[in-house]
C-alpha cells in the first residue's frame, strides 16, 4: 500500500498505469500468478488464469498434490460409448460362474 502511494506521488498516474500493465502482462506471459488464500481456504482465480486453463464458472476442477505443490485442472469427463450387448454377455457369463459356485457349495453342505 505504501509503495503504491509513493509510486503515485513520485511518478504520477501514467507511470503507475504502465507499471501495472507491465506486471499484468508479465504474469500472463510467464503464466505465474500470486494468489492469496482466504478464510476457509478460498482462492480466487483471476479471469486470465481461468480463461487460459479453460475453467468456467460453476465448473469443477481436480486438485492434485505433486510433491509440495498443488495442481488445479478442469474436470473434463470422458464420454464413453457402451456396447450394451457386450455388457449383457459379460454379466451373463459372470452370473453362470456364480451359479456354478453356489451349486458346488450347496452340494458340499448336503454331503
Protein backbone atom coordinates (compact mmCIF):
# COMPACT_ATOMS: atom_id res chain seq x y z
CA UNK A 1 0.00 0.00 0.00
CA UNK A 2 2.83 2.41 0.87
CA UNK A 3 4.69 1.50 -2.32
CA UNK A 4 1.55 2.30 -4.32
CA UNK A 5 1.20 5.69 -2.63
CA UNK A 6 4.90 6.54 -3.11
CA UNK A 7 4.71 5.48 -6.77
CA UNK A 8 1.63 7.63 -7.36
CA UNK A 9 3.10 10.67 -5.60
CA UNK A 10 6.54 10.34 -7.20
CA UNK A 11 5.78 9.34 -10.76
CA UNK A 12 2.13 10.12 -11.39
CA UNK A 13 -0.77 8.08 -12.72
CA UNK A 14 0.60 7.42 -16.20
CA UNK A 15 3.77 5.77 -14.89
CA UNK A 16 1.74 3.84 -12.34
CA UNK A 17 -0.59 2.52 -15.07
CA UNK A 18 2.41 1.47 -17.16
CA UNK A 19 3.87 -0.42 -14.19
CA UNK A 20 0.55 -2.16 -13.51
CA UNK A 21 0.18 -3.04 -17.19
CA UNK A 22 3.72 -4.44 -17.27
CA UNK A 23 3.06 -6.51 -14.14
CA UNK A 24 -0.19 -7.93 -15.52
CA UNK A 25 1.37 -8.75 -18.90
CA UNK A 26 4.36 -10.42 -17.22
CA UNK A 27 2.02 -12.56 -15.14
CA UNK A 28 0.11 -13.56 -18.25
CA UNK A 29 3.23 -14.25 -20.34
CA UNK A 30 5.03 -16.28 -17.71
CA UNK A 31 1.85 -18.00 -16.50
CA UNK A 32 2.63 -17.20 -12.88
CA UNK A 33 0.05 -15.67 -10.59
CA UNK A 34 0.44 -14.90 -6.91
CA UNK A 35 -2.85 -15.69 -5.20
CA UNK A 36 -3.98 -15.20 -1.63
CA UNK A 37 -5.58 -17.99 0.39
CA UNK A 38 -8.52 -16.51 2.27
CA UNK A 39 -10.73 -17.77 5.09
CA UNK A 40 -11.67 -21.45 4.81
CA UNK A 41 -9.05 -21.97 2.10
CA UNK A 42 -10.83 -19.93 -0.58
CA UNK A 43 -8.60 -18.95 -3.52
CA UNK A 44 -9.91 -16.63 -6.23
CA UNK A 45 -8.57 -17.45 -9.69
CA UNK A 46 -8.02 -14.37 -11.91
CA UNK A 47 -10.01 -14.25 -15.15
CA UNK A 48 -6.86 -14.56 -17.31
CA UNK A 49 -5.91 -17.75 -15.47
CA UNK A 50 -9.41 -19.25 -15.73
CA UNK A 51 -9.63 -18.41 -19.42
CA UNK A 52 -6.22 -19.85 -20.25
CA UNK A 53 -6.92 -23.04 -18.23
CA UNK A 54 -10.43 -23.47 -19.65
CA UNK A 55 -12.11 -23.17 -16.25
CA UNK A 56 -15.63 -21.73 -16.46
CA UNK A 57 -18.00 -20.53 -13.76
CA UNK A 58 -19.63 -23.38 -11.80
CA UNK A 59 -17.30 -25.92 -13.40
CA UNK A 60 -15.45 -28.48 -11.30
CA UNK A 61 -11.69 -28.71 -11.02
CA UNK A 62 -9.41 -31.54 -9.99
CA UNK A 63 -6.90 -30.67 -7.24
CA UNK A 64 -3.84 -32.88 -7.28
CA UNK A 65 -0.89 -32.84 -4.91
CA UNK A 66 2.51 -33.32 -6.55
CA UNK A 67 5.29 -33.19 -4.00
CA UNK A 68 4.73 -29.93 -2.17
CA UNK A 69 2.73 -28.33 -4.99
CA UNK A 70 -0.98 -28.25 -5.76
CA UNK A 71 -2.06 -28.68 -9.39
CA UNK A 72 -5.53 -27.47 -10.41
CA UNK A 73 -7.00 -28.55 -13.72
CA UNK A 74 -10.53 -28.51 -15.12
CA UNK A 75 -12.51 -31.72 -14.75
CA UNK A 76 -13.27 -32.96 -18.25
CA UNK A 77 -15.40 -36.10 -18.04
CA UNK A 78 -14.65 -38.67 -20.71
CA UNK A 79 -17.68 -39.75 -22.69
CA UNK A 80 -17.54 -43.46 -23.44
CA UNK A 81 -19.76 -45.36 -25.84
CA UNK A 82 -21.07 -48.53 -24.25
CA UNK A 83 -21.82 -51.70 -26.20
CA UNK A 84 -24.80 -52.91 -24.19
CA UNK A 85 -24.80 -56.31 -25.93
CA UNK A 86 -21.23 -56.90 -24.73
CA UNK A 87 -22.17 -55.80 -21.20
CA UNK A 88 -25.12 -58.23 -21.14
CA UNK A 89 -22.90 -61.05 -22.42
CA UNK A 90 -20.24 -60.42 -19.74
CA UNK A 91 -22.85 -60.18 -16.97
CA UNK A 92 -24.50 -63.38 -18.21
CA UNK A 93 -21.18 -65.25 -18.15
CA UNK A 94 -20.43 -63.92 -14.67
CA UNK A 95 -23.88 -64.99 -13.49
CA UNK A 96 -23.29 -68.54 -14.80
CA UNK A 97 -19.97 -68.76 -12.92
CA UNK A 98 -21.59 -67.55 -9.69
CA UNK A 99 -24.47 -70.04 -10.04
CA UNK A 100 -21.97 -72.88 -10.54
CA UNK A 101 -20.11 -71.84 -7.36
CA UNK A 102 -23.40 -71.77 -5.45
CA UNK A 103 -24.30 -75.28 -6.70
CA UNK A 104 -20.92 -76.60 -5.51
CA UNK A 105 -21.33 -75.02 -2.06
CA UNK A 106 -24.85 -76.48 -1.72
CA UNK A 107 -23.60 -79.89 -2.84
CA UNK A 108 -20.87 -79.81 -0.15
CA UNK A 109 -23.38 -78.75 2.53
CA UNK A 110 -25.73 -81.64 1.64
CA UNK A 111 -23.00 -84.26 1.88
